[in-house]
């Protein structure tokens, strides 16, 4: 709840309390006046005047009670309106927070600050003269690059990335050897990653880690 709405509630409540106190004071005054004149043996004319004043005060009390009831109704209506405004404010605050989060997410994409782990220390055995596909039918939404880190038992091991975009296939291969890291720029579309062995007669053991940065 905002500070202003809290102050409005305090003011309305204070007005209602003041009117209630006025009614109590008027009632106490009436009782005191009657007690005084009856104990002092006032004349019939004085008593009649007091009765008339009493009726007038009763009328004033009735009017004040009506005003108090009206003010209480107004306070209840204002409290209901404030509750609605507070609810709207909270909803708007949540929407702003969601928009800020979406903006920050897009900003990370613009500056290539976002990343996703595709594989972590995946162990492979690759036959001689063959390659192993470690990702297939993998679609990316944003341009960026793949970082492929390989440790293998051969210095001829290579990493290959095939990227399909707008009807074109981009084929890039980098020899990573026994321990190396290669970066492959990619555009939105399908991506296939292969790890290959160019040894003629010997199989290769390899460990692969792949991160998509976008």
C-alpha atoms as a PDB file:
ATOM      1  CA  UNK A   1       0.000   0.000   0.000  1.00  0.00           C
ATOM      2  CA  UNK A   2       1.334   3.449  -0.881  1.00  0.00           C
ATOM      3  CA  UNK A   3       2.075   6.121   1.734  1.00  0.00           C
ATOM      4  CA  UNK A   4      -0.608   8.447   0.287  1.00  0.00           C
ATOM      5  CA  UNK A   5      -3.357   5.830   0.539  1.00  0.00           C
ATOM      6  CA  UNK A   6      -2.364   5.125   4.134  1.00  0.00           C
ATOM      7  CA  UNK A   7      -2.597   8.826   4.990  1.00  0.00           C
ATOM      8  CA  UNK A   8      -6.062   9.084   3.439  1.00  0.00           C
ATOM      9  CA  UNK A   9      -7.231   6.181   5.588  1.00  0.00           C
ATOM     10  CA  UNK A  10      -5.870   7.844   8.740  1.00  0.00           C
ATOM     11  CA  UNK A  11      -7.619  11.160   7.933  1.00  0.00           C
ATOM     12  CA  UNK A  12     -10.996   9.512   7.274  1.00  0.00           C
ATOM     13  CA  UNK A  13     -10.704   7.448  10.440  1.00  0.00           C
ATOM     14  CA  UNK A  14      -9.771  10.547  12.460  1.00  0.00           C
ATOM     15  CA  UNK A  15     -12.877  12.428  11.234  1.00  0.00           C
ATOM     16  CA  UNK A  16     -15.106   9.542  12.282  1.00  0.00           C
ATOM     17  CA  UNK A  17     -13.489   9.419  15.731  1.00  0.00           C
ATOM     18  CA  UNK A  18     -13.910  13.186  16.241  1.00  0.00           C
ATOM     19  CA  UNK A  19     -17.626  13.042  15.374  1.00  0.00           C
ATOM     20  CA  UNK A  20     -18.106  10.133  17.778  1.00  0.00           C
ATOM     21  CA  UNK A  21     -16.409  12.099  20.564  1.00  0.00           C
ATOM     22  CA  UNK A  22     -18.655  15.103  19.870  1.00  0.00           C
ATOM     23  CA  UNK A  23     -21.759  12.922  20.247  1.00  0.00           C
ATOM     24  CA  UNK A  24     -20.456  11.512  23.533  1.00  0.00           C
ATOM     25  CA  UNK A  25     -19.648  15.001  24.872  1.00  0.00           C
ATOM     26  CA  UNK A  26     -23.102  16.310  23.922  1.00  0.00           C
ATOM     27  CA  UNK A  27     -24.784  13.387  25.652  1.00  0.00           C
ATOM     28  CA  UNK A  28     -22.684  13.888  28.780  1.00  0.00           C
ATOM     29  CA  UNK A  29     -23.517  17.606  28.763  1.00  0.00           C
ATOM     30  CA  UNK A  30     -27.228  16.881  28.617  1.00  0.00           C
ATOM     31  CA  UNK A  31     -27.042  14.545  31.566  1.00  0.00           C
ATOM     32  CA  UNK A  32     -25.089  17.119  33.576  1.00  0.00           C
ATOM     33  CA  UNK A  33     -27.535  19.936  32.815  1.00  0.00           C
ATOM     34  CA  UNK A  34     -30.550  17.865  33.819  1.00  0.00           C
ATOM     35  CA  UNK A  35     -28.882  16.765  37.018  1.00  0.00           C
ATOM     36  CA  UNK A  36     -28.017  20.362  37.911  1.00  0.00           C
ATOM     37  CA  UNK A  37     -31.431  21.900  37.301  1.00  0.00           C
ATOM     38  CA  UNK A  38     -33.423  19.140  38.911  1.00  0.00           C
ATOM     39  CA  UNK A  39     -31.200  19.215  41.986  1.00  0.00           C
ATOM     40  CA  UNK A  40     -31.438  23.036  42.122  1.00  0.00           C
ATOM     41  CA  UNK A  41     -35.241  23.000  41.821  1.00  0.00           C
ATOM     42  CA  UNK A  42     -35.459  25.070  38.619  1.00  0.00           C
ATOM     43  CA  UNK A  43     -38.711  26.864  37.694  1.00  0.00           C
ATOM     44  CA  UNK A  44     -41.170  25.300  35.199  1.00  0.00           C
ATOM     45  CA  UNK A  45     -40.145  27.870  32.591  1.00  0.00           C
ATOM     46  CA  UNK A  46     -36.477  27.021  33.025  1.00  0.00           C
ATOM     47  CA  UNK A  47     -37.230  23.321  32.876  1.00  0.00           C
ATOM     48  CA  UNK A  48     -39.287  23.850  29.712  1.00  0.00           C
ATOM     49  CA  UNK A  49     -36.415  25.808  28.180  1.00  0.00           C
ATOM     50  CA  UNK A  50     -34.007  23.052  29.098  1.00  0.00           C
ATOM     51  CA  UNK A  51     -36.316  20.448  27.591  1.00  0.00           C
ATOM     52  CA  UNK A  52     -36.477  22.484  24.402  1.00  0.00           C
ATOM     53  CA  UNK A  53     -32.691  22.737  24.385  1.00  0.00           C
ATOM     54  CA  UNK A  54     -32.564  19.014  25.037  1.00  0.00           C
ATOM     55  CA  UNK A  55     -34.727  18.332  21.989  1.00  0.00           C
ATOM     56  CA  UNK A  56     -32.499  20.622  19.954  1.00  0.00           C
ATOM     57  CA  UNK A  57     -29.399  18.804  21.172  1.00  0.00           C
ATOM     58  CA  UNK A  58     -31.028  15.455  20.421  1.00  0.00           C
ATOM     59  CA  UNK A  59     -31.738  16.687  16.919  1.00  0.00           C
ATOM     60  CA  UNK A  60     -28.112  17.767  16.601  1.00  0.00           C
ATOM     61  CA  UNK A  61     -26.966  14.379  17.885  1.00  0.00           C
ATOM     62  CA  UNK A  62     -29.198  12.624  15.366  1.00  0.00           C
ATOM     63  CA  UNK A  63     -27.756  14.788  12.601  1.00  0.00           C
ATOM     64  CA  UNK A  64     -24.209  14.093  13.786  1.00  0.00           C
ATOM     65  CA  UNK A  65     -24.925  10.360  13.982  1.00  0.00           C
ATOM     66  CA  UNK A  66     -26.249  10.462  10.431  1.00  0.00           C
ATOM     67  CA  UNK A  67     -23.111  12.307   9.335  1.00  0.00           C
ATOM     68  CA  UNK A  68     -20.993   9.759  11.190  1.00  0.00           C
ATOM     69  CA  UNK A  69     -22.793   6.893   9.455  1.00  0.00           C
ATOM     70  CA  UNK A  70     -22.352   8.636   6.104  1.00  0.00           C
ATOM     71  CA  UNK A  71     -18.654   9.185   6.780  1.00  0.00           C
ATOM     72  CA  UNK A  72     -18.227   5.544   7.769  1.00  0.00           C
ATOM     73  CA  UNK A  73     -19.798   4.519   4.460  1.00  0.00           C
ATOM     74  CA  UNK A  74     -17.458   6.885   2.618  1.00  0.00           C
ATOM     75  CA  UNK A  75     -14.468   5.455   4.500  1.00  0.00           C
ATOM     76  CA  UNK A  76     -15.517   1.919   3.554  1.00  0.00           C
ATOM     77  CA  UNK A  77     -15.897   2.936  -0.101  1.00  0.00           C
ATOM     78  CA  UNK A  78     -12.504   4.670  -0.084  1.00  0.00           C
ATOM     79  CA  UNK A  79     -10.881   1.638   1.519  1.00  0.00           C
ATOM     80  CA  UNK A  80     -12.385  -0.591  -1.182  1.00  0.00           C
ATOM     81  CA  UNK A  81     -11.121   1.785  -3.887  1.00  0.00           C
ATOM     82  CA  UNK A  82      -7.669   1.851  -2.287  1.00  0.00           C
ATOM     83  CA  UNK A  83      -7.611  -1.948  -2.183  1.00  0.00           C
ATOM     84  CA  UNK A  84      -8.448  -2.037  -5.905  1.00  0.00           C
ATOM     85  CA  UNK A  85      -5.762   0.549  -6.664  1.00  0.00           C
ATOM     86  CA  UNK A  86      -3.225  -1.397  -4.621  1.00  0.00           C
ATOM     87  CA  UNK A  87      -4.120  -4.551  -6.566  1.00  0.00           C
ATOM     88  CA  UNK A  88      -3.735  -2.692  -9.877  1.00  0.00           C
ATOM     89  CA  UNK A  89      -0.417  -1.249  -8.696  1.00  0.00           C
ATOM     90  CA  UNK A  90       0.876  -4.708  -7.763  1.00  0.00           C
ATOM     91  CA  UNK A  91      -0.195  -6.108 -11.146  1.00  0.00           C
ATOM     92  CA  UNK A  92       1.558  -3.252 -12.957  1.00  0.00           C
ATOM     93  CA  UNK A  93       4.677  -3.759 -10.837  1.00  0.00           C
ATOM     94  CA  UNK A  94       4.712  -7.452 -11.764  1.00  0.00           C
ATOM     95  CA  UNK A  95       4.273  -6.577 -15.455  1.00  0.00           C
ATOM     96  CA  UNK A  96       7.158  -4.103 -15.274  1.00  0.00           C
ATOM     97  CA  UNK A  97       9.347  -6.727 -13.601  1.00  0.00           C
ATOM     98  CA  UNK A  98       8.493  -9.244 -16.355  1.00  0.00           C
ATOM     99  CA  UNK A  99       9.262  -6.679 -19.068  1.00  0.00           C
ATOM    100  CA  UNK A 100      12.577  -5.796 -17.435  1.00  0.00           C
ATOM    101  CA  UNK A 101      13.494  -9.481 -17.266  1.00  0.00           C
ATOM    102  CA  UNK A 102      12.584  -9.962 -20.947  1.00  0.00           C
ATOM    103  CA  UNK A 103      14.564  -6.843 -21.881  1.00  0.00           C
ATOM    104  CA  UNK A 104      17.607  -8.068 -19.958  1.00  0.00           C
ATOM    105  CA  UNK A 105      17.321 -11.475 -21.628  1.00  0.00           C
ATOM    106  CA  UNK A 106      17.240  -9.905 -25.101  1.00  0.00           C
ATOM    107  CA  UNK A 107      20.115  -7.616 -24.169  1.00  0.00           C
ATOM    108  CA  UNK A 108      22.168 -10.666 -23.226  1.00  0.00           C
ATOM    109  CA  UNK A 109      21.416 -12.160 -26.646  1.00  0.00           C
ATOM    110  CA  UNK A 110      22.481  -8.962 -28.419  1.00  0.00           C
ATOM    111  CA  UNK A 111      25.850  -8.960 -26.644  1.00  0.00           C
ATOM    112  CA  UNK A 112      26.342 -12.764 -26.759  1.00  0.00           C
ATOM    113  CA  UNK A 113      26.163 -12.964 -22.971  1.00  0.00           C
ATOM    114  CA  UNK A 114      23.787 -15.953 -22.913  1.00  0.00           C
ATOM    115  CA  UNK A 115      24.930 -19.562 -23.061  1.00  0.00           C
ATOM    116  CA  UNK A 116      23.633 -23.117 -22.875  1.00  0.00           C
ATOM    117  CA  UNK A 117      25.529 -26.295 -22.083  1.00  0.00           C
ATOM    118  CA  UNK A 118      24.938 -28.872 -24.820  1.00  0.00           C
ATOM    119  CA  UNK A 119      27.337 -31.618 -23.701  1.00  0.00           C
ATOM    120  CA  UNK A 120      29.642 -31.942 -20.716  1.00  0.00           C
ATOM    121  CA  UNK A 121      32.563 -34.392 -20.759  1.00  0.00           C
ATOM    122  CA  UNK A 122      30.841 -36.805 -23.138  1.00  0.00           C
ATOM    123  CA  UNK A 123      33.073 -39.855 -23.697  1.00  0.00           C
ATOM    124  CA  UNK A 124      33.304 -41.274 -27.222  1.00  0.00           C
ATOM    125  CA  UNK A 125      35.070 -44.068 -29.070  1.00  0.00           C
ATOM    126  CA  UNK A 126      35.487 -43.271 -32.753  1.00  0.00           C
ATOM    127  CA  UNK A 127      36.444 -45.948 -35.265  1.00  0.00           C
ATOM    128  CA  UNK A 128      39.307 -45.402 -37.694  1.00  0.00           C
ATOM    129  CA  UNK A 129      38.333 -43.151 -40.592  1.00  0.00           C
ATOM    130  CA  UNK A 130      34.882 -42.451 -39.091  1.00  0.00           C
ATOM    131  CA  UNK A 131      33.065 -39.710 -37.249  1.00  0.00           C
ATOM    132  CA  UNK A 132      30.487 -39.650 -34.475  1.00  0.00           C
ATOM    133  CA  UNK A 133      27.513 -37.289 -34.460  1.00  0.00           C
ATOM    134  CA  UNK A 134      27.040 -35.813 -31.001  1.00  0.00           C
ATOM    135  CA  UNK A 135      24.096 -33.518 -31.853  1.00  0.00           C
ATOM    136  CA  UNK A 136      21.496 -33.896 -34.590  1.00  0.00           C
ATOM    137  CA  UNK A 137      18.137 -32.258 -35.282  1.00  0.00           C
ATOM    138  CA  UNK A 138      19.263 -29.487 -32.963  1.00  0.00           C
ATOM    139  CA  UNK A 139      17.619 -26.136 -33.747  1.00  0.00           C
ATOM    140  CA  UNK A 140      18.891 -22.782 -32.506  1.00  0.00           C
ATOM    141  CA  UNK A 141      16.898 -19.536 -32.435  1.00  0.00           C
ATOM    142  CA  UNK A 142      19.740 -17.038 -32.269  1.00  0.00           C
ATOM    143  CA  UNK A 143      22.982 -16.386 -34.090  1.00  0.00           C
ATOM    144  CA  UNK A 144      26.073 -17.074 -32.021  1.00  0.00           C
ATOM    145  CA  UNK A 145      28.767 -19.712 -31.894  1.00  0.00           C
ATOM    146  CA  UNK A 146      29.479 -23.196 -30.581  1.00  0.00           C
ATOM    147  CA  UNK A 147      32.556 -23.786 -28.461  1.00  0.00           C
ATOM    148  CA  UNK A 148      33.729 -27.386 -28.865  1.00  0.00           C
ATOM    149  CA  UNK A 149      36.401 -28.669 -26.496  1.00  0.00           C
ATOM    150  CA  UNK A 150      37.971 -32.069 -27.222  1.00  0.00           C
ATOM    151  CA  UNK A 151      40.532 -34.288 -25.522  1.00  0.00           C
ATOM    152  CA  UNK A 152      41.490 -37.388 -27.510  1.00  0.00           C
ATOM    153  CA  UNK A 153      44.096 -40.099 -27.971  1.00  0.00           C
ATOM    154  CA  UNK A 154      45.033 -38.821 -31.455  1.00  0.00           C
ATOM    155  CA  UNK A 155      46.453 -35.550 -32.702  1.00  0.00           C
ATOM    156  CA  UNK A 156      44.383 -35.843 -35.899  1.00  0.00           C
ATOM    157  CA  UNK A 157      40.954 -35.647 -34.222  1.00  0.00           C
ATOM    158  CA  UNK A 158      38.688 -32.961 -35.674  1.00  0.00           C
ATOM    159  CA  UNK A 159      35.402 -31.234 -34.847  1.00  0.00           C
ATOM    160  CA  UNK A 160      32.833 -30.485 -37.544  1.00  0.00           C
ATOM    161  CA  UNK A 161      29.732 -28.247 -37.391  1.00  0.00           C
ATOM    162  CA  UNK A 162      27.041 -28.278 -40.087  1.00  0.00           C
ATOM    163  CA  UNK A 163      24.663 -25.312 -39.922  1.00  0.00           C
ATOM    164  CA  UNK A 164      21.559 -24.989 -42.121  1.00  0.00           C
ATOM    165  CA  UNK A 165      20.249 -21.457 -42.709  1.00  0.00           C
ATOM    166  CA  UNK A 166      17.905 -20.068 -45.358  1.00  0.00           C
ATOM    167  CA  UNK A 167      18.449 -23.050 -47.655  1.00  0.00           C
ATOM    168  CA  UNK A 168      22.247 -23.027 -47.315  1.00  0.00           C
ATOM    169  CA  UNK A 169      24.415 -25.504 -45.404  1.00  0.00           C
ATOM    170  CA  UNK A 170      27.587 -24.133 -43.806  1.00  0.00           C
ATOM    171  CA  UNK A 171      30.194 -26.855 -43.250  1.00  0.00           C
ATOM    172  CA  UNK A 172      33.129 -26.016 -40.970  1.00  0.00           C
ATOM    173  CA  UNK A 173      35.796 -28.389 -39.665  1.00  0.00           C
ATOM    174  CA  UNK A 174      38.712 -27.716 -37.303  1.00  0.00           C
ATOM    175  CA  UNK A 175      41.457 -30.138 -36.237  1.00  0.00           C
ATOM    176  CA  UNK A 176      41.538 -30.062 -32.434  1.00  0.00           C
ATOM    177  CA  UNK A 177      44.180 -32.778 -31.968  1.00  0.00           C
ATOM    178  CA  UNK A 178      44.741 -34.412 -28.612  1.00  0.00           C
ATOM    179  CA  UNK A 179      43.573 -31.366 -26.664  1.00  0.00           C
ATOM    180  CA  UNK A 180      41.974 -28.365 -28.277  1.00  0.00           C
ATOM    181  CA  UNK A 181      39.040 -25.982 -28.408  1.00  0.00           C
ATOM    182  CA  UNK A 182      37.373 -24.670 -31.560  1.00  0.00           C
ATOM    183  CA  UNK A 183      34.713 -21.986 -32.057  1.00  0.00           C
ATOM    184  CA  UNK A 184      32.115 -22.302 -34.839  1.00  0.00           C
ATOM    185  CA  UNK A 185      29.944 -19.291 -35.788  1.00  0.00           C
ATOM    186  CA  UNK A 186      26.313 -20.279 -36.448  1.00  0.00           C
ATOM    187  CA  UNK A 187      23.099 -18.691 -37.706  1.00  0.00           C
ATOM    188  CA  UNK A 188      19.530 -19.533 -36.621  1.00  0.00           C
ATOM    189  CA  UNK A 189      18.619 -22.973 -37.935  1.00  0.00           C
ATOM    190  CA  UNK A 190      19.512 -26.655 -37.620  1.00  0.00           C
ATOM    191  CA  UNK A 191      22.930 -27.644 -36.279  1.00  0.00           C
ATOM    192  CA  UNK A 192      24.775 -30.970 -36.477  1.00  0.00           C
ATOM    193  CA  UNK A 193      28.068 -31.511 -34.628  1.00  0.00           C
ATOM    194  CA  UNK A 194      30.434 -34.358 -35.499  1.00  0.00           C
ATOM    195  CA  UNK A 195      33.702 -35.470 -33.950  1.00  0.00           C
ATOM    196  CA  UNK A 196      35.921 -37.251 -36.497  1.00  0.00           C
ATOM    197  CA  UNK A 197      38.911 -39.567 -36.552  1.00  0.00           C
ATOM    198  CA  UNK A 198      41.262 -39.483 -39.527  1.00  0.00           C
ATOM    199  CA  UNK A 199      43.442 -42.333 -38.291  1.00  0.00           C
ATOM    200  CA  UNK A 200      43.546 -45.083 -40.914  1.00  0.00           C
ATOM    201  CA  UNK A 201      43.762 -48.123 -38.644  1.00  0.00           C
ATOM    202  CA  UNK A 202      43.344 -46.956 -35.059  1.00  0.00           C
ATOM    203  CA  UNK A 203      40.189 -46.109 -33.125  1.00  0.00           C
ATOM    204  CA  UNK A 204      40.224 -42.950 -31.030  1.00  0.00           C
ATOM    205  CA  UNK A 205      38.945 -42.314 -27.522  1.00  0.00           C
ATOM    206  CA  UNK A 206      37.710 -38.768 -26.973  1.00  0.00           C
ATOM    207  CA  UNK A 207      35.987 -36.610 -24.366  1.00  0.00           C
ATOM    208  CA  UNK A 208      33.854 -33.750 -25.657  1.00  0.00           C
ATOM    209  CA  UNK A 209      32.289 -30.648 -24.093  1.00  0.00           C
ATOM    210  CA  UNK A 210      30.044 -28.347 -26.148  1.00  0.00           C
ATOM    211  CA  UNK A 211      28.653 -24.936 -25.172  1.00  0.00           C
ATOM    212  CA  UNK A 212      26.283 -22.809 -27.270  1.00  0.00           C
ATOM    213  CA  UNK A 213      26.920 -19.087 -26.798  1.00  0.00           C
ATOM    214  CA  UNK A 214      24.357 -16.611 -28.138  1.00  0.00           C
END
